[in-house]
Amino acid sequence: MDAKLPIRMLHDRLLVSLDKEAGDRRSSGGIVIPATAAMGRRLGWARVEAVGSQVRTVEVGDRVLFDPDDRAEVEVRGESFILLRERDLHAVASERIDEGQTGLYL
């Protein structure tokens, strides 16, 4: 996302973009599983593009785990993003690792 994009997120809102590999998957045997295949409830990963002023545990650039069924989509300058609340996140994967932490907050 363009760093000069004129969007300021409010309160506890996050603007995220889906990971590029969020589509088709491969089984351990190498079989391609299409993204449209019916499976149990599957969570998805996304990259944080913008955060509101009251977001405390997530920063721009972090990867977050969320439920794709609980999302609101928005299009900005032809690019699709997802709007989430911080409380709707299930985990955060971050490069900022303090001593004794794994970098994945569940």
PDB file of N, CA and C in Angstrom:
ATOM      1  N   MET A   1       0.850  -1.179   0.000  1.00  0.00           N
ATOM      2  CA  MET A   1       0.000   0.000   0.000  1.00  0.00           C
ATOM      3  C   MET A   1       0.891   1.235   0.000  1.00  0.00           C
ATOM      4  N   ASP A   2       0.481   2.251  -0.730  1.00  0.00           N
ATOM      5  CA  ASP A   2       1.217   3.491  -0.834  1.00  0.00           C
ATOM      6  C   ASP A   2       1.281   4.167   0.532  1.00  0.00           C
ATOM      7  N   ALA A   3       2.496   4.572   0.953  1.00  0.00           N
ATOM      8  CA  ALA A   3       2.672   5.212   2.262  1.00  0.00           C
ATOM      9  C   ALA A   3       1.918   6.538   2.348  1.00  0.00           C
ATOM     10  N   LYS A   4       1.601   7.156   1.219  1.00  0.00           N
ATOM     11  CA  LYS A   4       0.908   8.441   1.201  1.00  0.00           C
ATOM     12  C   LYS A   4      -0.597   8.287   1.046  1.00  0.00           C
ATOM     13  N   LEU A   5      -1.109   7.075   1.234  1.00  0.00           N
ATOM     14  CA  LEU A   5      -2.541   6.843   1.113  1.00  0.00           C
ATOM     15  C   LEU A   5      -3.264   7.647   2.187  1.00  0.00           C
ATOM     16  N   PRO A   6      -4.231   8.488   1.813  1.00  0.00           N
ATOM     17  CA  PRO A   6      -4.870   9.395   2.776  1.00  0.00           C
ATOM     18  C   PRO A   6      -5.941   8.705   3.623  1.00  0.00           C
ATOM     19  N   ILE A   7      -5.528   7.726   4.412  1.00  0.00           N
ATOM     20  CA  ILE A   7      -6.467   7.034   5.290  1.00  0.00           C
ATOM     21  C   ILE A   7      -5.917   7.053   6.708  1.00  0.00           C
ATOM     22  N   ARG A   8      -6.761   7.426   7.642  1.00  0.00           N
ATOM     23  CA  ARG A   8      -6.411   7.371   9.058  1.00  0.00           C
ATOM     24  C   ARG A   8      -7.448   6.490   9.726  1.00  0.00           C
ATOM     25  N   MET A   9      -7.006   5.381  10.274  1.00  0.00           N
ATOM     26  CA  MET A   9      -7.923   4.456  10.935  1.00  0.00           C
ATOM     27  C   MET A   9      -8.323   5.050  12.281  1.00  0.00           C
ATOM     28  N   LEU A  10      -9.547   4.772  12.707  1.00  0.00           N
ATOM     29  CA  LEU A  10     -10.067   5.302  13.960  1.00  0.00           C
ATOM     30  C   LEU A  10     -10.145   4.221  15.028  1.00  0.00           C
ATOM     31  N   HIS A  11      -9.997   4.622  16.256  1.00  0.00           N
ATOM     32  CA  HIS A  11     -10.211   3.804  17.439  1.00  0.00           C
ATOM     33  C   HIS A  11      -9.424   2.486  17.390  1.00  0.00           C
ATOM     34  N   ASP A  12     -10.114   1.345  17.472  1.00  0.00           N
ATOM     35  CA  ASP A  12      -9.429   0.042  17.539  1.00  0.00           C
ATOM     36  C   ASP A  12      -9.483  -0.688  16.197  1.00  0.00           C
ATOM     37  N   ARG A  13      -9.594   0.065  15.114  1.00  0.00           N
ATOM     38  CA  ARG A  13      -9.736  -0.544  13.790  1.00  0.00           C
ATOM     39  C   ARG A  13      -8.371  -0.815  13.150  1.00  0.00           C
ATOM     40  N   LEU A  14      -8.344  -1.875  12.332  1.00  0.00           N
ATOM     41  CA  LEU A  14      -7.157  -2.253  11.566  1.00  0.00           C
ATOM     42  C   LEU A  14      -7.542  -2.356  10.104  1.00  0.00           C
ATOM     43  N   LEU A  15      -6.649  -1.963   9.228  1.00  0.00           N
ATOM     44  CA  LEU A  15      -6.814  -2.172   7.797  1.00  0.00           C
ATOM     45  C   LEU A  15      -5.754  -3.188   7.392  1.00  0.00           C
ATOM     46  N   VAL A  16      -6.188  -4.323   6.846  1.00  0.00           N
ATOM     47  CA  VAL A  16      -5.250  -5.398   6.518  1.00  0.00           C
ATOM     48  C   VAL A  16      -5.427  -5.826   5.066  1.00  0.00           C
ATOM     49  N   SER A  17      -4.371  -6.409   4.514  1.00  0.00           N
ATOM     50  CA  SER A  17      -4.439  -6.987   3.171  1.00  0.00           C
ATOM     51  C   SER A  17      -4.174  -8.478   3.300  1.00  0.00           C
ATOM     52  N   LEU A  18      -4.936  -9.267   2.544  1.00  0.00           N
ATOM     53  CA  LEU A  18      -4.778 -10.721   2.593  1.00  0.00           C
ATOM     54  C   LEU A  18      -3.414 -11.126   2.075  1.00  0.00           C
ATOM     55  N   ASP A  19      -2.832 -12.157   2.681  1.00  0.00           N
ATOM     56  CA  ASP A  19      -1.577 -12.706   2.188  1.00  0.00           C
ATOM     57  C   ASP A  19      -1.774 -13.224   0.781  1.00  0.00           C
ATOM     58  N   LYS A  20      -0.777 -13.088  -0.039  1.00  0.00           N
ATOM     59  CA  LYS A  20      -0.865 -13.536  -1.438  1.00  0.00           C
ATOM     60  C   LYS A  20      -1.087 -15.041  -1.527  1.00  0.00           C
ATOM     61  N   GLU A  21      -0.529 -15.819  -0.579  1.00  0.00           N
ATOM     62  CA  GLU A  21      -0.690 -17.261  -0.613  1.00  0.00           C
ATOM     63  C   GLU A  21      -1.984 -17.714   0.052  1.00  0.00           C
ATOM     64  N   ALA A  22      -2.934 -16.809   0.228  1.00  0.00           N
ATOM     65  CA  ALA A  22      -4.199 -17.150   0.873  1.00  0.00           C
ATOM     66  C   ALA A  22      -5.127 -17.925  -0.050  1.00  0.00           C
ATOM     67  N   GLY A  23      -4.723 -18.140  -1.286  1.00  0.00           N
ATOM     68  CA  GLY A  23      -5.569 -18.846  -2.239  1.00  0.00           C
ATOM     69  C   GLY A  23      -5.428 -20.353  -2.131  1.00  0.00           C
ATOM     70  N   ASP A  24      -5.048 -20.982  -3.222  1.00  0.00           N
ATOM     71  CA  ASP A  24      -4.920 -22.441  -3.262  1.00  0.00           C
ATOM     72  C   ASP A  24      -3.835 -22.920  -2.297  1.00  0.00           C
ATOM     73  N   ARG A  25      -4.051 -24.121  -1.760  1.00  0.00           N
ATOM     74  CA  ARG A  25      -3.092 -24.732  -0.833  1.00  0.00           C
ATOM     75  C   ARG A  25      -2.681 -26.077  -1.396  1.00  0.00           C
ATOM     76  N   ARG A  26      -1.607 -26.643  -0.852  1.00  0.00           N
ATOM     77  CA  ARG A  26      -1.158 -27.981  -1.245  1.00  0.00           C
ATOM     78  C   ARG A  26      -1.187 -28.887  -0.024  1.00  0.00           C
ATOM     79  N   SER A  27      -1.644 -30.117  -0.236  1.00  0.00           N
ATOM     80  CA  SER A  27      -1.621 -31.112   0.838  1.00  0.00           C
ATOM     81  C   SER A  27      -0.193 -31.593   1.018  1.00  0.00           C
ATOM     82  N   SER A  28       0.056 -32.350   2.075  1.00  0.00           N
ATOM     83  CA  SER A  28       1.405 -32.875   2.315  1.00  0.00           C
ATOM     84  C   SER A  28       1.835 -33.817   1.194  1.00  0.00           C
ATOM     85  N   GLY A  29       0.877 -34.391   0.468  1.00  0.00           N
ATOM     86  CA  GLY A  29       1.177 -35.270  -0.662  1.00  0.00           C
ATOM     87  C   GLY A  29       1.332 -34.524  -1.976  1.00  0.00           C
ATOM     88  N   GLY A  30       1.183 -33.196  -1.968  1.00  0.00           N
ATOM     89  CA  GLY A  30       1.368 -32.391  -3.166  1.00  0.00           C
ATOM     90  C   GLY A  30       0.106 -32.121  -3.954  1.00  0.00           C
ATOM     91  N   ILE A  31      -1.048 -32.530  -3.453  1.00  0.00           N
ATOM     92  CA  ILE A  31      -2.316 -32.297  -4.154  1.00  0.00           C
ATOM     93  C   ILE A  31      -2.751 -30.853  -3.923  1.00  0.00           C
ATOM     94  N   VAL A  32      -3.125 -30.162  -4.998  1.00  0.00           N
ATOM     95  CA  VAL A  32      -3.583 -28.775  -4.897  1.00  0.00           C
ATOM     96  C   VAL A  32      -5.016 -28.760  -4.390  1.00  0.00           C
ATOM     97  N   ILE A  33      -5.251 -27.981  -3.333  1.00  0.00           N
ATOM     98  CA  ILE A  33      -6.589 -27.820  -2.761  1.00  0.00           C
ATOM     99  C   ILE A  33      -7.054 -26.406  -3.106  1.00  0.00           C
ATOM    100  N   PRO A  34      -8.064 -26.260  -3.965  1.00  0.00           N
ATOM    101  CA  PRO A  34      -8.507 -24.919  -4.362  1.00  0.00           C
ATOM    102  C   PRO A  34      -9.038 -24.125  -3.173  1.00  0.00           C
ATOM    103  N   ALA A  35      -8.904 -22.797  -3.262  1.00  0.00           N
ATOM    104  CA  ALA A  35      -9.374 -21.912  -2.196  1.00  0.00           C
ATOM    105  C   ALA A  35     -10.871 -22.042  -1.988  1.00  0.00           C
ATOM    106  N   THR A  36     -11.598 -22.497  -3.010  1.00  0.00           N
ATOM    107  CA  THR A  36     -13.054 -22.611  -2.913  1.00  0.00           C
ATOM    108  C   THR A  36     -13.502 -23.949  -2.330  1.00  0.00           C
ATOM    109  N   ALA A  37     -12.557 -24.844  -2.029  1.00  0.00           N
ATOM    110  CA  ALA A  37     -12.912 -26.164  -1.488  1.00  0.00           C
ATOM    111  C   ALA A  37     -13.571 -25.997  -0.124  1.00  0.00           C
ATOM    112  N   ALA A  38     -14.651 -26.738   0.104  1.00  0.00           N
ATOM    113  CA  ALA A  38     -15.359 -26.680   1.387  1.00  0.00           C
ATOM    114  C   ALA A  38     -14.564 -27.432   2.433  1.00  0.00           C
ATOM    115  N   MET A  39     -14.194 -26.733   3.483  1.00  0.00           N
ATOM    116  CA  MET A  39     -13.465 -27.327   4.605  1.00  0.00           C
ATOM    117  C   MET A  39     -14.112 -26.808   5.870  1.00  0.00           C
ATOM    118  N   GLY A  40     -13.618 -27.255   6.985  1.00  0.00           N
ATOM    119  CA  GLY A  40     -14.079 -26.718   8.253  1.00  0.00           C
ATOM    120  C   GLY A  40     -13.712 -25.252   8.355  1.00  0.00           C
ATOM    121  N   ARG A  41     -14.085 -24.646   9.430  1.00  0.00           N
ATOM    122  CA  ARG A  41     -13.776 -23.230   9.637  1.00  0.00           C
ATOM    123  C   ARG A  41     -12.270 -23.036   9.608  1.00  0.00           C
ATOM    124  N   ARG A  42     -11.788 -22.241   8.670  1.00  0.00           N
ATOM    125  CA  ARG A  42     -10.361 -22.027   8.488  1.00  0.00           C
ATOM    126  C   ARG A  42     -10.043 -20.549   8.681  1.00  0.00           C
ATOM    127  N   LEU A  43      -9.107 -20.253   9.566  1.00  0.00           N
ATOM    128  CA  LEU A  43      -8.688 -18.879   9.801  1.00  0.00           C
ATOM    129  C   LEU A  43      -7.712 -18.452   8.710  1.00  0.00           C
ATOM    130  N   GLY A  44      -7.572 -17.152   8.516  1.00  0.00           N
ATOM    131  CA  GLY A  44      -6.692 -16.631   7.483  1.00  0.00           C
ATOM    132  C   GLY A  44      -5.669 -15.661   8.038  1.00  0.00           C
ATOM    133  N   TRP A  45      -4.554 -15.503   7.307  1.00  0.00           N
ATOM    134  CA  TRP A  45      -3.495 -14.569   7.675  1.00  0.00           C
ATOM    135  C   TRP A  45      -3.581 -13.339   6.789  1.00  0.00           C
ATOM    136  N   ALA A  46      -3.268 -12.186   7.353  1.00  0.00           N
ATOM    137  CA  ALA A  46      -3.250 -10.938   6.603  1.00  0.00           C
ATOM    138  C   ALA A  46      -2.123 -10.053   7.134  1.00  0.00           C
ATOM    139  N   ARG A  47      -1.717  -9.086   6.328  1.00  0.00           N
ATOM    140  CA  ARG A  47      -0.676  -8.133   6.717  1.00  0.00           C
ATOM    141  C   ARG A  47      -1.340  -6.820   7.117  1.00  0.00           C
ATOM    142  N   VAL A  48      -0.919  -6.253   8.252  1.00  0.00           N
ATOM    143  CA  VAL A  48      -1.490  -4.997   8.748  1.00  0.00           C
ATOM    144  C   VAL A  48      -0.937  -3.835   7.925  1.00  0.00           C
ATOM    145  N   GLU A  49      -1.847  -3.035   7.365  1.00  0.00           N
ATOM    146  CA  GLU A  49      -1.471  -1.884   6.544  1.00  0.00           C
ATOM    147  C   GLU A  49      -1.632  -0.565   7.292  1.00  0.00           C
ATOM    148  N   ALA A  50      -2.608  -0.483   8.216  1.00  0.00           N
ATOM    149  CA  ALA A  50      -2.854   0.739   8.980  1.00  0.00           C
ATOM    150  C   ALA A  50      -3.546   0.366  10.283  1.00  0.00           C
ATOM    151  N   VAL A  51      -3.298   1.154  11.344  1.00  0.00           N
ATOM    152  CA  VAL A  51      -3.902   0.893  12.654  1.00  0.00           C
ATOM    153  C   VAL A  51      -4.487   2.178  13.222  1.00  0.00           C
ATOM    154  N   GLY A  52      -5.533   2.020  14.028  1.00  0.00           N
ATOM    155  CA  GLY A  52      -6.151   3.145  14.707  1.00  0.00           C
ATOM    156  C   GLY A  52      -5.358   3.551  15.947  1.00  0.00           C
ATOM    157  N   SER A  53      -5.700   4.685  16.512  1.00  0.00           N
ATOM    158  CA  SER A  53      -4.952   5.243  17.647  1.00  0.00           C
ATOM    159  C   SER A  53      -5.094   4.422  18.929  1.00  0.00           C
ATOM    160  N   GLN A  54      -6.138   3.612  19.065  1.00  0.00           N
ATOM    161  CA  GLN A  54      -6.329   2.833  20.281  1.00  0.00           C
ATOM    162  C   GLN A  54      -5.866   1.387  20.153  1.00  0.00           C
ATOM    163  N   VAL A  55      -5.248   1.018  19.033  1.00  0.00           N
ATOM    164  CA  VAL A  55      -4.705  -0.327  18.859  1.00  0.00           C
ATOM    165  C   VAL A  55      -3.420  -0.413  19.670  1.00  0.00           C
ATOM    166  N   ARG A  56      -3.327  -1.456  20.527  1.00  0.00           N
ATOM    167  CA  ARG A  56      -2.194  -1.540  21.451  1.00  0.00           C
ATOM    168  C   ARG A  56      -1.193  -2.632  21.123  1.00  0.00           C
ATOM    169  N   THR A  57      -1.620  -3.732  20.523  1.00  0.00           N
ATOM    170  CA  THR A  57      -0.721  -4.885  20.391  1.00  0.00           C
ATOM    171  C   THR A  57      -0.260  -5.157  18.965  1.00  0.00           C
ATOM    172  N   VAL A  58      -0.684  -4.359  18.015  1.00  0.00           N
ATOM    173  CA  VAL A  58      -0.383  -4.620  16.611  1.00  0.00           C
ATOM    174  C   VAL A  58       0.222  -3.369  15.992  1.00  0.00           C
ATOM    175  N   GLU A  59       1.202  -3.571  15.105  1.00  0.00           N
ATOM    176  CA  GLU A  59       1.806  -2.467  14.375  1.00  0.00           C
ATOM    177  C   GLU A  59       1.737  -2.745  12.886  1.00  0.00           C
ATOM    178  N   VAL A  60       1.888  -1.699  12.088  1.00  0.00           N
ATOM    179  CA  VAL A  60       1.910  -1.845  10.635  1.00  0.00           C
ATOM    180  C   VAL A  60       3.033  -2.810  10.255  1.00  0.00           C
ATOM    181  N   GLY A  61       2.728  -3.758   9.396  1.00  0.00           N
ATOM    182  CA  GLY A  61       3.713  -4.742   8.950  1.00  0.00           C
ATOM    183  C   GLY A  61       3.573  -6.090   9.633  1.00  0.00           C
ATOM    184  N   ASP A  62       2.882  -6.148  10.773  1.00  0.00           N
ATOM    185  CA  ASP A  62       2.652  -7.427  11.459  1.00  0.00           C
ATOM    186  C   ASP A  62       1.717  -8.299  10.630  1.00  0.00           C
ATOM    187  N   ARG A  63       1.793  -9.608  10.844  1.00  0.00           N
ATOM    188  CA  ARG A  63       0.834 -10.540  10.250  1.00  0.00           C
ATOM    189  C   ARG A  63      -0.147 -10.931  11.341  1.00  0.00           C
ATOM    190  N   VAL A  64      -1.427 -10.959  11.005  1.00  0.00           N
ATOM    191  CA  VAL A  64      -2.459 -11.269  11.991  1.00  0.00           C
ATOM    192  C   VAL A  64      -3.325 -12.419  11.497  1.00  0.00           C
ATOM    193  N   LEU A  65      -3.816 -13.198  12.446  1.00  0.00           N
ATOM    194  CA  LEU A  65      -4.696 -14.327  12.168  1.00  0.00           C
ATOM    195  C   LEU A  65      -6.116 -13.912  12.536  1.00  0.00           C
ATOM    196  N   PHE A  66      -7.060 -14.115  11.600  1.00  0.00           N
ATOM    197  CA  PHE A  66      -8.436 -13.685  11.832  1.00  0.00           C
ATOM    198  C   PHE A  66      -9.390 -14.658  11.162  1.00  0.00           C
ATOM    199  N   ASP A  67     -10.661 -14.542  11.502  1.00  0.00           N
ATOM    200  CA  ASP A  67     -11.706 -15.376  10.912  1.00  0.00           C
ATOM    201  C   ASP A  67     -12.235 -14.676   9.662  1.00  0.00           C
ATOM    202  N   PRO A  68     -12.018 -15.255   8.472  1.00  0.00           N
ATOM    203  CA  PRO A  68     -12.474 -14.604   7.241  1.00  0.00           C
ATOM    204  C   PRO A  68     -13.986 -14.411   7.165  1.00  0.00           C
ATOM    205  N   ASP A  69     -14.761 -15.145   7.955  1.00  0.00           N
ATOM    206  CA  ASP A  69     -16.214 -14.975   7.938  1.00  0.00           C
ATOM    207  C   ASP A  69     -16.649 -13.699   8.656  1.00  0.00           C
ATOM    208  N   ASP A  70     -15.805 -13.170   9.539  1.00  0.00           N
ATOM    209  CA  ASP A  70     -16.129 -11.959  10.309  1.00  0.00           C
ATOM    210  C   ASP A  70     -15.336 -10.777   9.790  1.00  0.00           C
ATOM    211  N   ARG A  71     -15.579 -10.382   8.552  1.00  0.00           N
ATOM    212  CA  ARG A  71     -14.779  -9.304   7.983  1.00  0.00           C
ATOM    213  C   ARG A  71     -15.633  -8.369   7.148  1.00  0.00           C
ATOM    214  N   ALA A  72     -15.145  -7.150   7.004  1.00  0.00           N
ATOM    215  CA  ALA A  72     -15.754  -6.159   6.123  1.00  0.00           C
ATOM    216  C   ALA A  72     -14.690  -5.773   5.106  1.00  0.00           C
ATOM    217  N   GLU A  73     -15.025  -5.865   3.828  1.00  0.00           N
ATOM    218  CA  GLU A  73     -14.065  -5.545   2.774  1.00  0.00           C
ATOM    219  C   GLU A  73     -14.280  -4.126   2.276  1.00  0.00           C
ATOM    220  N   VAL A  74     -13.175  -3.504   1.867  1.00  0.00           N
ATOM    221  CA  VAL A  74     -13.227  -2.155   1.314  1.00  0.00           C
ATOM    222  C   VAL A  74     -12.216  -2.088   0.169  1.00  0.00           C
ATOM    223  N   GLU A  75     -12.549  -1.300  -0.845  1.00  0.00           N
ATOM    224  CA  GLU A  75     -11.634  -1.117  -1.965  1.00  0.00           C
ATOM    225  C   GLU A  75     -11.111   0.316  -1.932  1.00  0.00           C
ATOM    226  N   VAL A  76      -9.786   0.464  -1.990  1.00  0.00           N
ATOM    227  CA  VAL A  76      -9.152   1.770  -1.981  1.00  0.00           C
ATOM    228  C   VAL A  76      -8.224   1.838  -3.183  1.00  0.00           C
ATOM    229  N   ARG A  77      -8.511   2.769  -4.080  1.00  0.00           N
ATOM    230  CA  ARG A  77      -7.710   2.957  -5.296  1.00  0.00           C
ATOM    231  C   ARG A  77      -7.496   1.646  -6.050  1.00  0.00           C
ATOM    232  N   GLY A  78      -8.547   0.858  -6.173  1.00  0.00           N
ATOM    233  CA  GLY A  78      -8.492  -0.379  -6.934  1.00  0.00           C
ATOM    234  C   GLY A  78      -7.882  -1.559  -6.217  1.00  0.00           C
ATOM    235  N   GLU A  79      -7.497  -1.400  -4.962  1.00  0.00           N
ATOM    236  CA  GLU A  79      -6.899  -2.481  -4.186  1.00  0.00           C
ATOM    237  C   GLU A  79      -7.846  -2.864  -3.054  1.00  0.00           C
ATOM    238  N   SER A  80      -8.031  -4.174  -2.816  1.00  0.00           N
ATOM    239  CA  SER A  80      -8.955  -4.647  -1.781  1.00  0.00           C
ATOM    240  C   SER A  80      -8.265  -4.780  -0.436  1.00  0.00           C
ATOM    241  N   PHE A  81      -8.953  -4.338   0.609  1.00  0.00           N
ATOM    242  CA  PHE A  81      -8.472  -4.441   1.984  1.00  0.00           C
ATOM    243  C   PHE A  81      -9.601  -4.964   2.857  1.00  0.00           C
ATOM    244  N   ILE A  82      -9.252  -5.374   4.061  1.00  0.00           N
ATOM    245  CA  ILE A  82     -10.223  -5.864   5.030  1.00  0.00           C
ATOM    246  C   ILE A  82     -10.143  -4.984   6.268  1.00  0.00           C
ATOM    247  N   LEU A  83     -11.294  -4.629   6.791  1.00  0.00           N
ATOM    248  CA  LEU A  83     -11.396  -3.812   7.994  1.00  0.00           C
ATOM    249  C   LEU A  83     -11.738  -4.721   9.162  1.00  0.00           C
ATOM    250  N   LEU A  84     -10.927  -4.679  10.223  1.00  0.00           N
ATOM    251  CA  LEU A  84     -11.131  -5.514  11.409  1.00  0.00           C
ATOM    252  C   LEU A  84     -11.034  -4.667  12.669  1.00  0.00           C
ATOM    253  N   ARG A  85     -11.544  -5.200  13.763  1.00  0.00           N
ATOM    254  CA  ARG A  85     -11.317  -4.627  15.086  1.00  0.00           C
ATOM    255  C   ARG A  85     -10.183  -5.417  15.743  1.00  0.00           C
ATOM    256  N   GLU A  86      -9.425  -4.784  16.580  1.00  0.00           N
ATOM    257  CA  GLU A  86      -8.307  -5.471  17.238  1.00  0.00           C
ATOM    258  C   GLU A  86      -8.801  -6.685  18.027  1.00  0.00           C
ATOM    259  N   ARG A  87      -9.960  -6.591  18.641  1.00  0.00           N
ATOM    260  CA  ARG A  87     -10.474  -7.694  19.454  1.00  0.00           C
ATOM    261  C   ARG A  87     -10.860  -8.914  18.619  1.00  0.00           C
ATOM    262  N   ASP A  88     -11.008  -8.753  17.284  1.00  0.00           N
ATOM    263  CA  ASP A  88     -11.362  -9.863  16.410  1.00  0.00           C
ATOM    264  C   ASP A  88     -10.157 -10.681  15.955  1.00  0.00           C
ATOM    265  N   LEU A  89      -8.962 -10.291  16.360  1.00  0.00           N
ATOM    266  CA  LEU A  89      -7.755 -11.017  15.981  1.00  0.00           C
ATOM    267  C   LEU A  89      -7.568 -12.225  16.886  1.00  0.00           C
ATOM    268  N   HIS A  90      -7.043 -13.300  16.318  1.00  0.00           N
ATOM    269  CA  HIS A  90      -6.769 -14.505  17.093  1.00  0.00           C
ATOM    270  C   HIS A  90      -5.293 -14.621  17.445  1.00  0.00           C
ATOM    271  N   ALA A  91      -4.403 -14.050  16.624  1.00  0.00           N
ATOM    272  CA  ALA A  91      -2.962 -14.129  16.880  1.00  0.00           C
ATOM    273  C   ALA A  91      -2.248 -13.040  16.099  1.00  0.00           C
ATOM    274  N   VAL A  92      -1.044 -12.708  16.549  1.00  0.00           N
ATOM    275  CA  VAL A  92      -0.191 -11.737  15.865  1.00  0.00           C
ATOM    276  C   VAL A  92       1.176 -12.364  15.677  1.00  0.00           C
ATOM    277  N   ALA A  93       1.681 -12.347  14.460  1.00  0.00           N
ATOM    278  CA  ALA A  93       3.045 -12.802  14.174  1.00  0.00           C
ATOM    279  C   ALA A  93       3.856 -11.556  13.865  1.00  0.00           C
ATOM    280  N   SER A  94       4.932 -11.356  14.615  1.00  0.00           N
ATOM    281  CA  SER A  94       5.669 -10.108  14.513  1.00  0.00           C
ATOM    282  C   SER A  94       7.163 -10.369  14.463  1.00  0.00           C
ATOM    283  N   GLU A  95       7.880  -9.483  13.791  1.00  0.00           N
ATOM    284  CA  GLU A  95       9.349  -9.541  13.777  1.00  0.00           C
ATOM    285  C   GLU A  95       9.920  -8.954  15.065  1.00  0.00           C
ATOM    286  N   ARG A  96       9.107  -8.197  15.818  1.00  0.00           N
ATOM    287  CA  ARG A  96       9.563  -7.581  17.069  1.00  0.00           C
ATOM    288  C   ARG A  96       9.500  -8.618  18.178  1.00  0.00           C
ATOM    289  N   ILE A  97      10.586  -9.280  18.439  1.00  0.00           N
ATOM    290  CA  ILE A  97      10.575 -10.346  19.440  1.00  0.00           C
ATOM    291  C   ILE A  97      11.403  -9.915  20.637  1.00  0.00           C
ATOM    292  N   ASP A  98      10.757  -9.822  21.794  1.00  0.00           N
ATOM    293  CA  ASP A  98      11.468  -9.548  23.033  1.00  0.00           C
ATOM    294  C   ASP A  98      12.043 -10.853  23.559  1.00  0.00           C
ATOM    295  N   GLU A  99      13.054 -10.751  24.414  1.00  0.00           N
ATOM    296  CA  GLU A  99      13.672 -11.943  24.971  1.00  0.00           C
ATOM    297  C   GLU A  99      12.638 -12.790  25.704  1.00  0.00           C
ATOM    298  N   GLY A 100      12.624 -14.087  25.419  1.00  0.00           N
ATOM    299  CA  GLY A 100      11.696 -14.992  26.080  1.00  0.00           C
ATOM    300  C   GLY A 100      10.345 -15.114  25.387  1.00  0.00           C
ATOM    301  N   GLN A 101      10.145 -14.425  24.266  1.00  0.00           N
ATOM    302  CA  GLN A 101       8.878 -14.500  23.558  1.00  0.00           C
ATOM    303  C   GLN A 101       9.080 -15.194  22.206  1.00  0.00           C
ATOM    304  N   THR A 102       8.034 -15.759  21.694  1.00  0.00           N
ATOM    305  CA  THR A 102       8.129 -16.495  20.423  1.00  0.00           C
ATOM    306  C   THR A 102       7.867 -15.608  19.218  1.00  0.00           C
ATOM    307  N   GLY A 103       7.231 -14.458  19.400  1.00  0.00           N
ATOM    308  CA  GLY A 103       6.869 -13.613  18.278  1.00  0.00           C
ATOM    309  C   GLY A 103       5.466 -13.889  17.776  1.00  0.00           C
ATOM    310  N   LEU A 104       4.811 -14.923  18.307  1.00  0.00           N
ATOM    311  CA  LEU A 104       3.441 -15.258  17.920  1.00  0.00           C
ATOM    312  C   LEU A 104       2.592 -15.171  19.175  1.00  0.00           C
ATOM    313  N   TYR A 105       1.669 -14.233  19.198  1.00  0.00           N
ATOM    314  CA  TYR A 105       0.819 -14.020  20.360  1.00  0.00           C
ATOM    315  C   TYR A 105      -0.515 -14.704  20.124  1.00  0.00           C
ATOM    316  N   LEU A 106      -0.884 -15.643  20.939  1.00  0.00           N
ATOM    317  CA  LEU A 106      -2.160 -16.353  20.792  1.00  0.00           C
ATOM    318  C   LEU A 106      -3.113 -15.932  21.880  1.00  0.00           C
TER     319      LEU A 106
END
